Amino acid sequence: MKTLSEQISDVIEHEPVAVFMKGTPQLVMCGNSYRALQALHAAGAPITAVDILPDPRIRQELSAISGWPTIPQVFVKGELIGGADITEELLESGELGQKLEDALGEDPPRDVKVVELELA
């Protein structure tokens, strides 16, 4: 089995748009996570969500990898975009749509999925 750090890195590196959030897109447990999701939806992004709430180690490992202390954390093609405020600002300026188009092409799938990390 992969370590928690390896699992988190795999999601960041292999998913087009990854959101580490409190809760899931179906059951959001935090206002900032909701705001980040809404901005991504508005930009037409495919979303892969990871709930950080099942175990405090997820957040610790994620912050160690990204260097970013707060949740949510949004990644596009492995690059940390930031949290809710930055994601919303990028949406409003048009930069989020441009980043997504540059990374994913003009018409990416708009699917939403949840990845559950295996906790030892």
Protein backbone atom coordinates (compact mmCIF):
# COMPACT_ATOMS: atom_id res chain seq x y z
CA MET A 1 0.00 0.00 0.00
CA LYS A 2 1.20 3.51 -0.79
CA THR A 3 1.93 5.94 2.01
CA LEU A 4 -0.51 8.75 2.66
CA SER A 5 2.02 11.22 1.25
CA GLU A 6 2.34 9.14 -1.95
CA GLN A 7 -1.44 8.95 -2.33
CA ILE A 8 -1.82 12.72 -1.95
CA SER A 9 1.02 13.34 -4.42
CA ASP A 10 -0.61 10.95 -6.92
CA VAL A 11 -3.88 12.90 -6.80
CA ILE A 12 -2.07 16.24 -7.23
CA GLU A 13 0.08 14.96 -10.10
CA HIS A 14 -2.45 12.84 -12.01
CA GLU A 15 -5.81 14.58 -11.64
CA PRO A 16 -6.44 17.57 -13.95
CA VAL A 17 -8.06 19.61 -11.15
CA ALA A 18 -7.74 18.46 -7.54
CA VAL A 19 -9.50 20.08 -4.59
CA PHE A 20 -8.55 19.11 -1.06
CA MET A 21 -11.55 20.22 0.97
CA LYS A 22 -13.60 19.76 4.10
CA GLY A 23 -16.34 17.35 3.06
CA THR A 24 -17.24 16.29 -0.47
CA PRO A 25 -18.95 18.11 -3.36
CA GLN A 26 -22.15 16.32 -2.33
CA LEU A 27 -21.79 17.23 1.36
CA VAL A 28 -19.60 20.32 1.78
CA MET A 29 -18.59 20.90 5.43
CA CYS A 30 -16.99 24.35 5.08
CA GLY A 31 -17.94 27.67 3.50
CA ASN A 32 -14.52 28.20 1.94
CA SER A 33 -14.55 24.74 0.39
CA TYR A 34 -17.99 25.54 -1.04
CA ARG A 35 -16.75 28.84 -2.50
CA ALA A 36 -13.76 27.17 -4.18
CA LEU A 37 -16.04 24.49 -5.67
CA GLN A 38 -18.48 27.11 -6.96
CA ALA A 39 -15.66 29.02 -8.67
CA LEU A 40 -14.38 25.84 -10.30
CA HIS A 41 -17.89 24.87 -11.43
CA ALA A 42 -18.40 28.35 -12.88
CA ALA A 43 -15.13 28.01 -14.82
CA GLY A 44 -16.25 24.62 -16.19
CA ALA A 45 -13.53 22.61 -14.46
CA PRO A 46 -13.57 18.86 -13.98
CA ILE A 47 -13.19 18.33 -10.24
CA THR A 48 -11.50 15.60 -8.26
CA ALA A 49 -12.21 16.17 -4.57
CA VAL A 50 -10.45 14.75 -1.54
CA ASP A 51 -12.09 15.09 1.88
CA ILE A 52 -9.44 15.98 4.46
CA LEU A 53 -11.76 15.43 7.45
CA PRO A 54 -11.50 11.63 7.98
CA ASP A 55 -8.02 11.89 9.49
CA PRO A 56 -5.89 14.85 10.66
CA ARG A 57 -2.86 13.27 9.00
CA ILE A 58 -4.32 14.05 5.57
CA ARG A 59 -4.16 17.79 6.24
CA GLN A 60 -0.68 17.52 7.81
CA GLU A 61 0.73 15.60 4.83
CA LEU A 62 -0.99 17.87 2.31
CA SER A 63 0.40 21.03 3.92
CA ALA A 64 3.86 19.45 4.09
CA ILE A 65 3.68 18.73 0.34
CA SER A 66 2.16 22.03 -0.78
CA GLY A 67 3.62 24.43 1.74
CA TRP A 68 0.12 25.93 2.09
CA PRO A 69 -1.47 25.79 5.57
CA THR A 70 -5.16 26.35 4.88
CA ILE A 71 -8.02 24.35 3.36
CA PRO A 72 -9.29 24.19 0.67
CA GLN A 73 -6.33 23.74 -1.63
CA VAL A 74 -6.91 23.79 -5.38
CA PHE A 75 -4.42 22.29 -7.83
CA VAL A 76 -4.53 22.48 -11.65
CA LYS A 77 -2.24 20.01 -13.42
CA GLY A 78 -0.10 19.64 -10.30
CA GLU A 79 0.24 23.39 -9.68
CA LEU A 80 -1.11 24.86 -6.44
CA ILE A 81 -3.54 27.63 -7.36
CA GLY A 82 -4.47 28.48 -3.77
CA GLY A 83 -7.57 28.53 -1.60
CA ALA A 84 -11.08 29.91 -1.95
CA ASP A 85 -10.20 33.62 -2.15
CA ILE A 86 -7.53 33.16 -4.81
CA THR A 87 -9.69 30.75 -6.83
CA GLU A 88 -12.58 33.25 -6.79
CA GLU A 89 -10.27 36.13 -7.76
CA LEU A 90 -8.86 34.09 -10.66
CA LEU A 91 -12.42 33.31 -11.80
CA GLU A 92 -13.45 36.97 -11.71
CA SER A 93 -10.35 38.11 -13.62
CA GLY A 94 -10.76 35.37 -16.23
CA GLU A 95 -7.41 33.84 -15.32
CA LEU A 96 -8.95 30.65 -13.92
CA GLY A 97 -10.67 29.88 -17.22
CA GLN A 98 -7.44 30.60 -19.07
CA LYS A 99 -5.39 28.37 -16.73
CA LEU A 100 -7.90 25.56 -17.20
CA GLU A 101 -7.94 25.95 -20.98
CA ASP A 102 -4.13 26.05 -21.13
CA ALA A 103 -3.86 22.94 -18.94
CA LEU A 104 -6.83 20.90 -20.18
CA GLY A 105 -7.75 22.14 -23.65
CA GLU A 106 -10.84 24.03 -24.74
CA ASP A 107 -13.58 21.61 -23.75
CA PRO A 108 -12.56 19.46 -20.77
CA PRO A 109 -15.05 16.98 -19.32
CA ARG A 110 -17.03 18.52 -16.45
CA ASP A 111 -17.15 15.44 -14.28
CA VAL A 112 -16.93 15.49 -10.51
CA LYS A 113 -15.41 12.63 -8.58
CA VAL A 114 -14.27 11.95 -5.05
CA VAL A 115 -11.03 10.12 -4.18
CA GLU A 116 -10.89 8.41 -0.81
CA LEU A 117 -7.39 7.98 0.57
CA GLU A 118 -6.49 4.67 2.18
CA LEU A 119 -5.59 5.25 5.79
CA ALA A 120 -3.40 2.66 7.45
